[in-house]
Amino acid sequence: MKVSSIQPTPNPNAFKFLMDQPMAQPGKTLAYAKPEQAQSDVLAQGLFAIPGVETLFFCDNFVTVSMTAEADWRAVAEQCTKLLESHIPADPIDASAAKEPTADPLAAIPAGGDPEVLAKINALLDDRVRPALAGDGGGLQVLGLEGKTLVIRYEGACGSCPSSTAGTLMAIQNLLQSEVDEDLVVTMS
């Protein structure tokens, strides 16, 4: 694998490593908020072993690495690049290698709600929101719909970015209110 470029994101503590090979199954993402979630992912374990690495987000042909505010970014970038370029995937990303993180405390949030409404919401997010977030090194996951409240979780650079908690969240809510239901409220978990 080769790192083709390292790009800044709107989050000052996250950078996006563009790769020459897929880092996740098509249409899938992997987000690790802590090392314990990456027990079955050798590459993620290696990245978490780098001092200063805080979270990881794998999507399409990039990896977003979020670091602590105290981290020396140059050292983190250098070590991440070496590790990413030395990693040899077993096969093109397969389902057994790309497992969902384990022991997620958010799994208890019910994913209930009207399947048609959730499908419409996800289609809008896929079309108009997720591509923009991916461009900035992030993503979002719909965790559930309870009544008129949609619960989401930001991933990657968006997970700890100040603008995602205010402006982006409001923009998503406005989009969904105008396209799906004017009473819909979007909250983060």
N, C-alpha and C. Protein backbone atom coordinates (compact mmCIF):
# COMPACT_ATOMS: atom_id res chain seq x y z
N MET A 1 0.85 -1.18 0.00
CA MET A 1 0.00 0.00 0.00
C MET A 1 0.89 1.23 0.00
N LYS A 2 0.33 2.30 -0.53
CA LYS A 2 1.05 3.56 -0.62
C LYS A 2 0.15 4.70 -0.16
N VAL A 3 0.69 5.58 0.67
CA VAL A 3 -0.01 6.80 1.07
C VAL A 3 0.20 7.80 -0.06
N SER A 4 -0.88 8.16 -0.75
CA SER A 4 -0.74 9.10 -1.87
C SER A 4 -0.71 10.56 -1.41
N SER A 5 -1.37 10.85 -0.29
CA SER A 5 -1.28 12.20 0.29
C SER A 5 -1.83 12.18 1.71
N ILE A 6 -1.42 13.19 2.47
CA ILE A 6 -1.94 13.41 3.81
C ILE A 6 -2.62 14.76 3.77
N GLN A 7 -3.93 14.77 4.09
CA GLN A 7 -4.70 16.00 3.99
C GLN A 7 -5.22 16.45 5.35
N PRO A 8 -5.18 17.76 5.59
CA PRO A 8 -5.80 18.26 6.82
C PRO A 8 -7.32 18.15 6.70
N THR A 9 -7.99 18.18 7.82
CA THR A 9 -9.45 18.17 7.86
C THR A 9 -9.89 19.42 8.61
N PRO A 10 -11.17 19.74 8.61
CA PRO A 10 -11.62 20.87 9.42
C PRO A 10 -11.34 20.69 10.92
N ASN A 11 -11.16 19.45 11.35
CA ASN A 11 -10.80 19.16 12.73
C ASN A 11 -9.28 19.34 12.86
N PRO A 12 -8.84 20.28 13.67
CA PRO A 12 -7.39 20.52 13.78
C PRO A 12 -6.60 19.35 14.35
N ASN A 13 -7.27 18.38 14.94
CA ASN A 13 -6.60 17.22 15.52
C ASN A 13 -6.80 15.94 14.71
N ALA A 14 -7.14 16.08 13.43
CA ALA A 14 -7.35 14.89 12.59
C ALA A 14 -6.80 15.13 11.20
N PHE A 15 -6.17 14.10 10.66
CA PHE A 15 -5.66 14.15 9.29
C PHE A 15 -6.15 12.92 8.54
N LYS A 16 -6.29 13.10 7.24
CA LYS A 16 -6.81 12.07 6.35
C LYS A 16 -5.66 11.54 5.50
N PHE A 17 -5.40 10.24 5.59
CA PHE A 17 -4.35 9.59 4.80
C PHE A 17 -5.02 8.94 3.59
N LEU A 18 -4.81 9.50 2.41
CA LEU A 18 -5.36 8.92 1.18
C LEU A 18 -4.46 7.78 0.74
N MET A 19 -5.07 6.63 0.43
CA MET A 19 -4.34 5.42 0.09
C MET A 19 -4.58 5.03 -1.36
N ASP A 20 -3.69 4.21 -1.90
CA ASP A 20 -3.85 3.74 -3.27
C ASP A 20 -4.65 2.45 -3.35
N GLN A 21 -5.15 1.97 -2.20
CA GLN A 21 -5.96 0.76 -2.15
C GLN A 21 -7.15 0.98 -1.23
N PRO A 22 -8.21 0.21 -1.40
CA PRO A 22 -9.37 0.35 -0.51
C PRO A 22 -9.00 0.02 0.93
N MET A 23 -9.57 0.77 1.84
CA MET A 23 -9.34 0.56 3.27
C MET A 23 -10.56 -0.04 3.96
N ALA A 24 -11.68 -0.12 3.26
CA ALA A 24 -12.91 -0.70 3.81
C ALA A 24 -13.69 -1.30 2.65
N GLN A 25 -14.61 -2.18 2.95
CA GLN A 25 -15.47 -2.74 1.92
C GLN A 25 -16.25 -1.61 1.26
N PRO A 26 -16.57 -1.73 -0.01
CA PRO A 26 -17.36 -0.69 -0.67
C PRO A 26 -18.65 -0.41 0.08
N GLY A 27 -18.90 0.86 0.35
CA GLY A 27 -20.11 1.28 1.05
C GLY A 27 -20.07 1.07 2.55
N LYS A 28 -18.97 0.57 3.08
CA LYS A 28 -18.85 0.31 4.52
C LYS A 28 -17.78 1.20 5.11
N THR A 29 -17.87 1.42 6.41
CA THR A 29 -16.85 2.15 7.14
C THR A 29 -16.52 1.38 8.41
N LEU A 30 -15.37 1.65 8.96
CA LEU A 30 -14.97 1.11 10.25
C LEU A 30 -14.52 2.28 11.11
N ALA A 31 -15.08 2.39 12.29
CA ALA A 31 -14.70 3.47 13.20
C ALA A 31 -14.30 2.85 14.54
N TYR A 32 -13.15 3.24 15.02
CA TYR A 32 -12.66 2.77 16.31
C TYR A 32 -12.44 3.98 17.21
N ALA A 33 -13.19 4.05 18.29
CA ALA A 33 -13.06 5.17 19.23
C ALA A 33 -11.99 4.90 20.28
N LYS A 34 -11.60 3.62 20.42
CA LYS A 34 -10.57 3.26 21.40
C LYS A 34 -9.93 1.94 20.97
N PRO A 35 -8.71 1.70 21.44
CA PRO A 35 -7.97 0.50 21.02
C PRO A 35 -8.70 -0.81 21.29
N GLU A 36 -9.45 -0.89 22.36
CA GLU A 36 -10.14 -2.14 22.70
C GLU A 36 -11.12 -2.58 21.61
N GLN A 37 -11.61 -1.63 20.85
CA GLN A 37 -12.55 -1.96 19.78
C GLN A 37 -11.85 -2.58 18.57
N ALA A 38 -10.54 -2.48 18.50
CA ALA A 38 -9.79 -2.92 17.33
C ALA A 38 -9.07 -4.25 17.56
N GLN A 39 -9.55 -5.05 18.48
CA GLN A 39 -8.86 -6.29 18.83
C GLN A 39 -8.65 -7.22 17.65
N SER A 40 -9.56 -7.24 16.69
CA SER A 40 -9.44 -8.16 15.56
C SER A 40 -8.87 -7.48 14.32
N ASP A 41 -8.34 -6.28 14.45
CA ASP A 41 -7.84 -5.52 13.31
C ASP A 41 -6.36 -5.18 13.55
N VAL A 42 -5.47 -5.92 12.92
CA VAL A 42 -4.03 -5.77 13.13
C VAL A 42 -3.56 -4.37 12.76
N LEU A 43 -4.02 -3.83 11.64
CA LEU A 43 -3.61 -2.50 11.22
C LEU A 43 -4.05 -1.45 12.24
N ALA A 44 -5.29 -1.52 12.66
CA ALA A 44 -5.79 -0.55 13.64
C ALA A 44 -5.03 -0.66 14.96
N GLN A 45 -4.72 -1.88 15.38
CA GLN A 45 -3.94 -2.07 16.62
C GLN A 45 -2.58 -1.37 16.49
N GLY A 46 -1.96 -1.54 15.33
CA GLY A 46 -0.66 -0.91 15.11
C GLY A 46 -0.75 0.61 15.13
N LEU A 47 -1.81 1.15 14.53
CA LEU A 47 -1.98 2.60 14.52
C LEU A 47 -2.24 3.12 15.94
N PHE A 48 -3.05 2.41 16.71
CA PHE A 48 -3.32 2.82 18.08
C PHE A 48 -2.05 2.77 18.95
N ALA A 49 -1.08 1.94 18.58
CA ALA A 49 0.16 1.83 19.35
C ALA A 49 1.04 3.07 19.17
N ILE A 50 0.74 3.89 18.18
CA ILE A 50 1.52 5.11 17.94
C ILE A 50 1.11 6.16 18.99
N PRO A 51 2.07 6.67 19.75
CA PRO A 51 1.73 7.67 20.77
C PRO A 51 1.01 8.88 20.17
N GLY A 52 -0.12 9.22 20.78
CA GLY A 52 -0.90 10.37 20.33
C GLY A 52 -2.12 10.02 19.51
N VAL A 53 -2.19 8.79 18.96
CA VAL A 53 -3.35 8.40 18.16
C VAL A 53 -4.53 8.17 19.09
N GLU A 54 -5.66 8.81 18.76
CA GLU A 54 -6.84 8.74 19.64
C GLU A 54 -7.98 7.94 19.04
N THR A 55 -8.33 8.20 17.76
CA THR A 55 -9.40 7.45 17.10
C THR A 55 -9.00 7.18 15.66
N LEU A 56 -9.68 6.18 15.05
CA LEU A 56 -9.41 5.80 13.66
C LEU A 56 -10.72 5.65 12.91
N PHE A 57 -10.69 6.02 11.63
CA PHE A 57 -11.87 5.88 10.77
C PHE A 57 -11.40 5.42 9.40
N PHE A 58 -11.86 4.23 8.99
CA PHE A 58 -11.51 3.66 7.69
C PHE A 58 -12.71 3.79 6.76
N CYS A 59 -12.49 4.36 5.58
CA CYS A 59 -13.57 4.55 4.62
C CYS A 59 -12.98 4.56 3.22
N ASP A 60 -13.60 3.86 2.31
CA ASP A 60 -13.15 3.85 0.92
C ASP A 60 -11.63 3.74 0.84
N ASN A 61 -10.99 4.77 0.27
CA ASN A 61 -9.55 4.73 0.07
C ASN A 61 -8.79 5.65 1.03
N PHE A 62 -9.33 5.85 2.23
CA PHE A 62 -8.61 6.67 3.19
C PHE A 62 -8.79 6.18 4.62
N VAL A 63 -7.86 6.64 5.46
CA VAL A 63 -7.91 6.42 6.90
C VAL A 63 -7.80 7.80 7.53
N THR A 64 -8.70 8.12 8.43
CA THR A 64 -8.60 9.35 9.19
C THR A 64 -8.06 9.01 10.57
N VAL A 65 -7.00 9.69 10.94
CA VAL A 65 -6.38 9.49 12.25
C VAL A 65 -6.61 10.76 13.06
N SER A 66 -7.29 10.60 14.19
CA SER A 66 -7.47 11.72 15.13
C SER A 66 -6.45 11.52 16.24
N MET A 67 -5.88 12.63 16.67
CA MET A 67 -4.84 12.54 17.69
C MET A 67 -5.18 13.43 18.87
N THR A 68 -4.48 13.20 19.96
CA THR A 68 -4.67 14.03 21.13
C THR A 68 -4.13 15.43 20.84
N ALA A 69 -4.63 16.41 21.56
CA ALA A 69 -4.19 17.80 21.35
C ALA A 69 -2.71 17.96 21.67
N GLU A 70 -2.17 17.11 22.53
CA GLU A 70 -0.76 17.22 22.93
C GLU A 70 0.18 16.51 21.97
N ALA A 71 -0.33 15.74 21.04
CA ALA A 71 0.50 14.92 20.16
C ALA A 71 1.36 15.77 19.23
N ASP A 72 2.53 15.23 18.92
CA ASP A 72 3.42 15.84 17.93
C ASP A 72 2.98 15.33 16.56
N TRP A 73 2.26 16.19 15.82
CA TRP A 73 1.66 15.72 14.58
C TRP A 73 2.68 15.18 13.60
N ARG A 74 3.84 15.82 13.49
CA ARG A 74 4.84 15.34 12.53
C ARG A 74 5.26 13.90 12.85
N ALA A 75 5.49 13.62 14.12
CA ALA A 75 5.88 12.27 14.53
C ALA A 75 4.75 11.28 14.27
N VAL A 76 3.52 11.67 14.59
CA VAL A 76 2.37 10.80 14.35
C VAL A 76 2.23 10.51 12.85
N ALA A 77 2.31 11.54 12.03
CA ALA A 77 2.14 11.37 10.57
C ALA A 77 3.23 10.47 10.00
N GLU A 78 4.45 10.67 10.46
CA GLU A 78 5.57 9.86 9.96
C GLU A 78 5.38 8.39 10.32
N GLN A 79 5.02 8.14 11.57
CA GLN A 79 4.84 6.75 12.02
C GLN A 79 3.62 6.10 11.36
N CYS A 80 2.52 6.86 11.21
CA CYS A 80 1.33 6.32 10.54
C CYS A 80 1.64 5.98 9.09
N THR A 81 2.35 6.86 8.41
CA THR A 81 2.71 6.61 7.00
C THR A 81 3.55 5.34 6.89
N LYS A 82 4.57 5.19 7.72
CA LYS A 82 5.41 3.98 7.69
C LYS A 82 4.58 2.73 7.91
N LEU A 83 3.72 2.78 8.92
CA LEU A 83 2.91 1.60 9.23
C LEU A 83 1.93 1.29 8.09
N LEU A 84 1.24 2.31 7.59
CA LEU A 84 0.28 2.08 6.50
C LEU A 84 0.98 1.52 5.27
N GLU A 85 2.14 2.04 4.94
CA GLU A 85 2.83 1.57 3.74
C GLU A 85 3.47 0.20 3.91
N SER A 86 3.71 -0.21 5.15
CA SER A 86 4.28 -1.54 5.38
C SER A 86 3.20 -2.61 5.53
N HIS A 87 1.95 -2.17 5.71
CA HIS A 87 0.86 -3.12 5.92
C HIS A 87 0.52 -3.85 4.62
N ILE A 88 0.42 -5.16 4.73
CA ILE A 88 0.04 -5.97 3.56
C ILE A 88 -1.29 -6.61 3.89
N PRO A 89 -2.37 -6.16 3.23
CA PRO A 89 -3.68 -6.76 3.51
C PRO A 89 -3.70 -8.23 3.12
N ALA A 90 -4.41 -9.04 3.91
CA ALA A 90 -4.52 -10.46 3.63
C ALA A 90 -5.15 -10.69 2.26
N ASP A 91 -6.23 -10.02 2.00
CA ASP A 91 -6.96 -10.05 0.74
C ASP A 91 -7.51 -8.66 0.56
N PRO A 92 -8.03 -8.35 -0.64
CA PRO A 92 -8.75 -7.09 -0.68
C PRO A 92 -9.78 -7.13 0.43
N ILE A 93 -9.93 -6.06 1.14
CA ILE A 93 -10.75 -5.99 2.35
C ILE A 93 -11.92 -6.96 2.27
N ASP A 94 -11.92 -7.94 3.15
CA ASP A 94 -13.00 -8.93 3.17
C ASP A 94 -13.78 -8.83 4.47
N ALA A 95 -14.93 -9.45 4.47
CA ALA A 95 -15.85 -9.33 5.60
C ALA A 95 -15.23 -9.85 6.90
N SER A 96 -14.40 -10.89 6.83
CA SER A 96 -13.83 -11.42 8.06
C SER A 96 -12.81 -10.45 8.66
N ALA A 97 -12.10 -9.70 7.84
CA ALA A 97 -11.10 -8.75 8.35
C ALA A 97 -11.75 -7.45 8.80
N ALA A 98 -12.88 -7.13 8.23
CA ALA A 98 -13.53 -5.85 8.53
C ALA A 98 -14.74 -6.05 9.42
N LYS A 99 -14.48 -6.45 10.65
CA LYS A 99 -15.56 -6.67 11.60
C LYS A 99 -15.95 -5.37 12.25
N GLU A 100 -17.18 -5.31 12.67
CA GLU A 100 -17.64 -4.13 13.40
C GLU A 100 -16.93 -4.08 14.74
N PRO A 101 -16.64 -2.90 15.25
CA PRO A 101 -16.04 -2.81 16.57
C PRO A 101 -16.90 -3.53 17.61
N THR A 102 -16.23 -4.11 18.60
CA THR A 102 -16.96 -4.88 19.61
C THR A 102 -17.20 -4.04 20.85
N ALA A 103 -18.10 -4.52 21.68
CA ALA A 103 -18.39 -3.91 22.98
C ALA A 103 -18.74 -2.43 22.86
N ASP A 104 -19.58 -2.10 21.91
CA ASP A 104 -19.97 -0.71 21.72
C ASP A 104 -21.09 -0.37 22.69
N PRO A 105 -20.86 0.57 23.61
CA PRO A 105 -21.91 0.91 24.56
C PRO A 105 -23.12 1.56 23.90
N LEU A 106 -22.96 2.05 22.69
CA LEU A 106 -24.07 2.70 22.00
C LEU A 106 -25.01 1.68 21.34
N ALA A 107 -24.61 0.42 21.33
CA ALA A 107 -25.43 -0.60 20.70
C ALA A 107 -26.77 -0.74 21.41
N ALA A 108 -26.87 -0.25 22.62
CA ALA A 108 -28.12 -0.35 23.38
C ALA A 108 -29.18 0.62 22.88
N ILE A 109 -28.79 1.59 22.09
CA ILE A 109 -29.78 2.54 21.57
C ILE A 109 -30.63 1.82 20.54
N PRO A 110 -31.94 1.84 20.73
CA PRO A 110 -32.79 1.11 19.78
C PRO A 110 -32.72 1.72 18.38
N ALA A 111 -32.68 0.86 17.40
CA ALA A 111 -32.65 1.31 16.01
C ALA A 111 -34.06 1.38 15.46
N GLY A 112 -35.05 1.39 16.34
CA GLY A 112 -36.45 1.36 15.93
C GLY A 112 -36.83 2.53 15.05
N GLY A 113 -38.09 2.59 14.75
CA GLY A 113 -38.59 3.63 13.88
C GLY A 113 -39.17 3.04 12.62
N ASP A 114 -39.89 3.84 11.91
CA ASP A 114 -40.51 3.43 10.66
C ASP A 114 -39.42 3.12 9.62
N PRO A 115 -39.38 1.87 9.12
CA PRO A 115 -38.35 1.50 8.15
C PRO A 115 -38.35 2.38 6.90
N GLU A 116 -39.53 2.81 6.46
CA GLU A 116 -39.60 3.68 5.28
C GLU A 116 -38.98 5.04 5.57
N VAL A 117 -39.24 5.58 6.75
CA VAL A 117 -38.67 6.88 7.12
C VAL A 117 -37.16 6.75 7.26
N LEU A 118 -36.69 5.68 7.91
CA LEU A 118 -35.25 5.47 8.05
C LEU A 118 -34.58 5.30 6.69
N ALA A 119 -35.24 4.59 5.77
CA ALA A 119 -34.68 4.41 4.43
C ALA A 119 -34.58 5.76 3.71
N LYS A 120 -35.60 6.59 3.84
CA LYS A 120 -35.57 7.91 3.21
C LYS A 120 -34.47 8.78 3.82
N ILE A 121 -34.34 8.73 5.15
CA ILE A 121 -33.30 9.49 5.84
C ILE A 121 -31.93 9.04 5.36
N ASN A 122 -31.69 7.74 5.35
CA ASN A 122 -30.37 7.23 4.93
C ASN A 122 -30.07 7.54 3.48
N ALA A 123 -31.09 7.50 2.62
CA ALA A 123 -30.88 7.85 1.21
C ALA A 123 -30.45 9.31 1.08
N LEU A 124 -31.11 10.21 1.82
CA LEU A 124 -30.73 11.62 1.80
C LEU A 124 -29.32 11.82 2.34
N LEU A 125 -29.02 11.14 3.44
CA LEU A 125 -27.68 11.26 4.03
C LEU A 125 -26.63 10.72 3.06
N ASP A 126 -26.91 9.59 2.41
CA ASP A 126 -25.98 9.01 1.44
C ASP A 126 -25.74 9.95 0.27
N ASP A 127 -26.79 10.62 -0.17
CA ASP A 127 -26.71 11.47 -1.35
C ASP A 127 -26.12 12.85 -1.06
N ARG A 128 -26.49 13.45 0.08
CA ARG A 128 -26.16 14.86 0.28
C ARG A 128 -25.28 15.17 1.47
N VAL A 129 -25.11 14.24 2.39
CA VAL A 129 -24.34 14.55 3.59
C VAL A 129 -23.06 13.71 3.69
N ARG A 130 -23.18 12.40 3.60
CA ARG A 130 -22.01 11.54 3.80
C ARG A 130 -20.86 11.83 2.83
N PRO A 131 -21.13 12.13 1.55
CA PRO A 131 -19.99 12.47 0.66
C PRO A 131 -19.21 13.70 1.13
N ALA A 132 -19.91 14.70 1.63
CA ALA A 132 -19.24 15.90 2.12
C ALA A 132 -18.43 15.58 3.38
N LEU A 133 -19.00 14.78 4.27
CA LEU A 133 -18.28 14.41 5.48
C LEU A 133 -17.04 13.57 5.13
N ALA A 134 -17.18 12.65 4.18
CA ALA A 134 -16.04 11.83 3.76
C ALA A 134 -14.95 12.71 3.16
N GLY A 135 -15.33 13.74 2.43
CA GLY A 135 -14.36 14.67 1.87
C GLY A 135 -13.53 15.35 2.94
N ASP A 136 -14.11 15.48 4.13
CA ASP A 136 -13.40 16.07 5.26
C ASP A 136 -12.82 15.02 6.20
N GLY A 137 -12.83 13.75 5.77
CA GLY A 137 -12.23 12.70 6.58
C GLY A 137 -13.14 12.09 7.63
N GLY A 138 -14.45 12.24 7.45
CA GLY A 138 -15.37 11.73 8.46
C GLY A 138 -16.58 11.04 7.88
N GLY A 139 -17.51 10.76 8.74
CA GLY A 139 -18.75 10.12 8.34
C GLY A 139 -19.75 10.22 9.47
N LEU A 140 -20.90 9.59 9.27
CA LEU A 140 -21.88 9.54 10.34
C LEU A 140 -22.66 8.26 10.24
N GLN A 141 -23.10 7.81 11.39
CA GLN A 141 -23.88 6.58 11.51
C GLN A 141 -25.21 6.93 12.15
N VAL A 142 -26.29 6.40 11.57
CA VAL A 142 -27.62 6.55 12.17
C VAL A 142 -27.74 5.44 13.22
N LEU A 143 -27.95 5.85 14.47
CA LEU A 143 -28.05 4.88 15.55
C LEU A 143 -29.49 4.47 15.84
N GLY A 144 -30.43 5.36 15.58
CA GLY A 144 -31.81 5.01 15.84
C GLY A 144 -32.76 6.15 15.62
N LEU A 145 -34.03 5.81 15.55
CA LEU A 145 -35.10 6.79 15.39
C LEU A 145 -36.17 6.43 16.41
N GLU A 146 -36.35 7.34 17.37
CA GLU A 146 -37.37 7.14 18.39
C GLU A 146 -38.39 8.25 18.24
N GLY A 147 -39.56 7.91 17.75
CA GLY A 147 -40.57 8.93 17.50
C GLY A 147 -40.07 9.89 16.45
N LYS A 148 -39.90 11.14 16.82
CA LYS A 148 -39.42 12.17 15.89
C LYS A 148 -37.97 12.56 16.18
N THR A 149 -37.25 11.74 16.95
CA THR A 149 -35.87 12.04 17.29
C THR A 149 -34.93 11.04 16.62
N LEU A 150 -34.05 11.56 15.78
CA LEU A 150 -33.05 10.75 15.10
C LEU A 150 -31.74 10.88 15.87
N VAL A 151 -31.15 9.74 16.23
CA VAL A 151 -29.90 9.75 16.97
C VAL A 151 -28.78 9.33 16.01
N ILE A 152 -27.74 10.18 15.92
CA ILE A 152 -26.62 9.90 15.04
C ILE A 152 -25.32 9.91 15.83
N ARG A 153 -24.29 9.37 15.22
CA ARG A 153 -22.94 9.45 15.78
C ARG A 153 -22.00 9.82 14.65
N TYR A 154 -21.20 10.87 14.89
CA TYR A 154 -20.16 11.25 13.93
C TYR A 154 -18.99 10.31 14.06
N GLU A 155 -18.29 10.08 12.94
CA GLU A 155 -17.14 9.20 12.92
C GLU A 155 -15.96 9.93 12.27
N GLY A 156 -14.78 9.43 12.53
CA GLY A 156 -13.58 10.00 11.92
C GLY A 156 -13.32 11.41 12.40
N ALA A 157 -12.86 12.27 11.49
CA ALA A 157 -12.52 13.65 11.84
C ALA A 157 -13.72 14.38 12.42
N CYS A 158 -14.92 14.00 12.01
CA CYS A 158 -16.13 14.68 12.48
C CYS A 158 -16.44 14.36 13.94
N GLY A 159 -15.93 13.23 14.43
CA GLY A 159 -16.26 12.79 15.78
C GLY A 159 -15.87 13.74 16.89
N SER A 160 -14.78 14.45 16.71
CA SER A 160 -14.32 15.36 17.75
C SER A 160 -14.14 16.78 17.23
N CYS A 161 -14.77 17.07 16.10
CA CYS A 161 -14.63 18.39 15.49
C CYS A 161 -15.68 19.35 16.06
N PRO A 162 -15.26 20.53 16.50
CA PRO A 162 -16.22 21.49 17.06
C PRO A 162 -17.33 21.88 16.07
N SER A 163 -17.02 21.99 14.78
CA SER A 163 -18.06 22.42 13.84
C SER A 163 -19.12 21.35 13.62
N SER A 164 -18.79 20.08 13.84
CA SER A 164 -19.79 19.02 13.63
C SER A 164 -20.85 19.05 14.71
N THR A 165 -20.49 19.51 15.90
CA THR A 165 -21.46 19.50 16.99
C THR A 165 -22.43 20.66 16.91
N ALA A 166 -22.17 21.62 16.09
CA ALA A 166 -23.07 22.78 16.00
C ALA A 166 -23.59 22.94 14.58
N GLY A 167 -22.78 23.51 13.71
CA GLY A 167 -23.23 23.85 12.36
C GLY A 167 -23.67 22.67 11.52
N THR A 168 -22.86 21.62 11.49
CA THR A 168 -23.20 20.47 10.66
C THR A 168 -24.45 19.77 11.16
N LEU A 169 -24.55 19.62 12.47
CA LEU A 169 -25.73 18.98 13.06
C LEU A 169 -27.00 19.76 12.70
N MET A 170 -26.92 21.08 12.79
CA MET A 170 -28.08 21.91 12.45
C MET A 170 -28.40 21.81 10.96
N ALA A 171 -27.39 21.76 10.11
CA ALA A 171 -27.63 21.63 8.68
C ALA A 171 -28.31 20.30 8.35
N ILE A 172 -27.87 19.23 9.01
CA ILE A 172 -28.49 17.92 8.80
C ILE A 172 -29.95 17.96 9.26
N GLN A 173 -30.18 18.53 10.40
CA GLN A 173 -31.55 18.63 10.91
C GLN A 173 -32.42 19.45 9.95
N ASN A 174 -31.93 20.58 9.47
CA ASN A 174 -32.69 21.41 8.53
C ASN A 174 -33.01 20.65 7.25
N LEU A 175 -32.03 19.92 6.71
CA LEU A 175 -32.25 19.13 5.50
C LEU A 175 -33.35 18.09 5.73
N LEU A 176 -33.24 17.35 6.84
CA LEU A 176 -34.22 16.30 7.11
C LEU A 176 -35.61 16.87 7.43
N GLN A 177 -35.65 18.03 8.06
CA GLN A 177 -36.95 18.66 8.33
C GLN A 177 -37.61 19.11 7.03
N SER A 178 -36.82 19.60 6.09
CA SER A 178 -37.42 20.07 4.83
C SER A 178 -37.75 18.93 3.88
N GLU A 179 -37.03 17.82 3.97
CA GLU A 179 -37.22 16.72 3.01
C GLU A 179 -38.01 15.53 3.56
N VAL A 180 -38.02 15.35 4.91
CA VAL A 180 -38.64 14.16 5.49
C VAL A 180 -39.82 14.51 6.38
N ASP A 181 -39.55 15.29 7.45
CA ASP A 181 -40.60 15.61 8.42
C ASP A 181 -40.19 16.88 9.15
N GLU A 182 -41.04 17.89 9.12
CA GLU A 182 -40.69 19.18 9.72
C GLU A 182 -40.52 19.12 11.25
N ASP A 183 -41.00 18.05 11.88
CA ASP A 183 -40.88 17.92 13.33
C ASP A 183 -39.69 17.08 13.77
N LEU A 184 -38.91 16.61 12.81
CA LEU A 184 -37.77 15.75 13.12
C LEU A 184 -36.68 16.52 13.87
N VAL A 185 -36.15 15.91 14.92
CA VAL A 185 -35.06 16.48 15.70
C VAL A 185 -33.87 15.53 15.59
N VAL A 186 -32.68 16.09 15.36
CA VAL A 186 -31.49 15.27 15.24
C VAL A 186 -30.61 15.52 16.45
N THR A 187 -30.22 14.44 17.12
CA THR A 187 -29.34 14.55 18.27
C THR A 187 -28.12 13.64 18.07
N MET A 188 -27.08 13.94 18.81
CA MET A 188 -25.86 13.13 18.75
C MET A 188 -25.75 12.26 19.99
N SER A 189 -25.11 11.15 19.80
CA SER A 189 -24.82 10.29 20.94
C SER A 189 -23.33 10.25 21.14
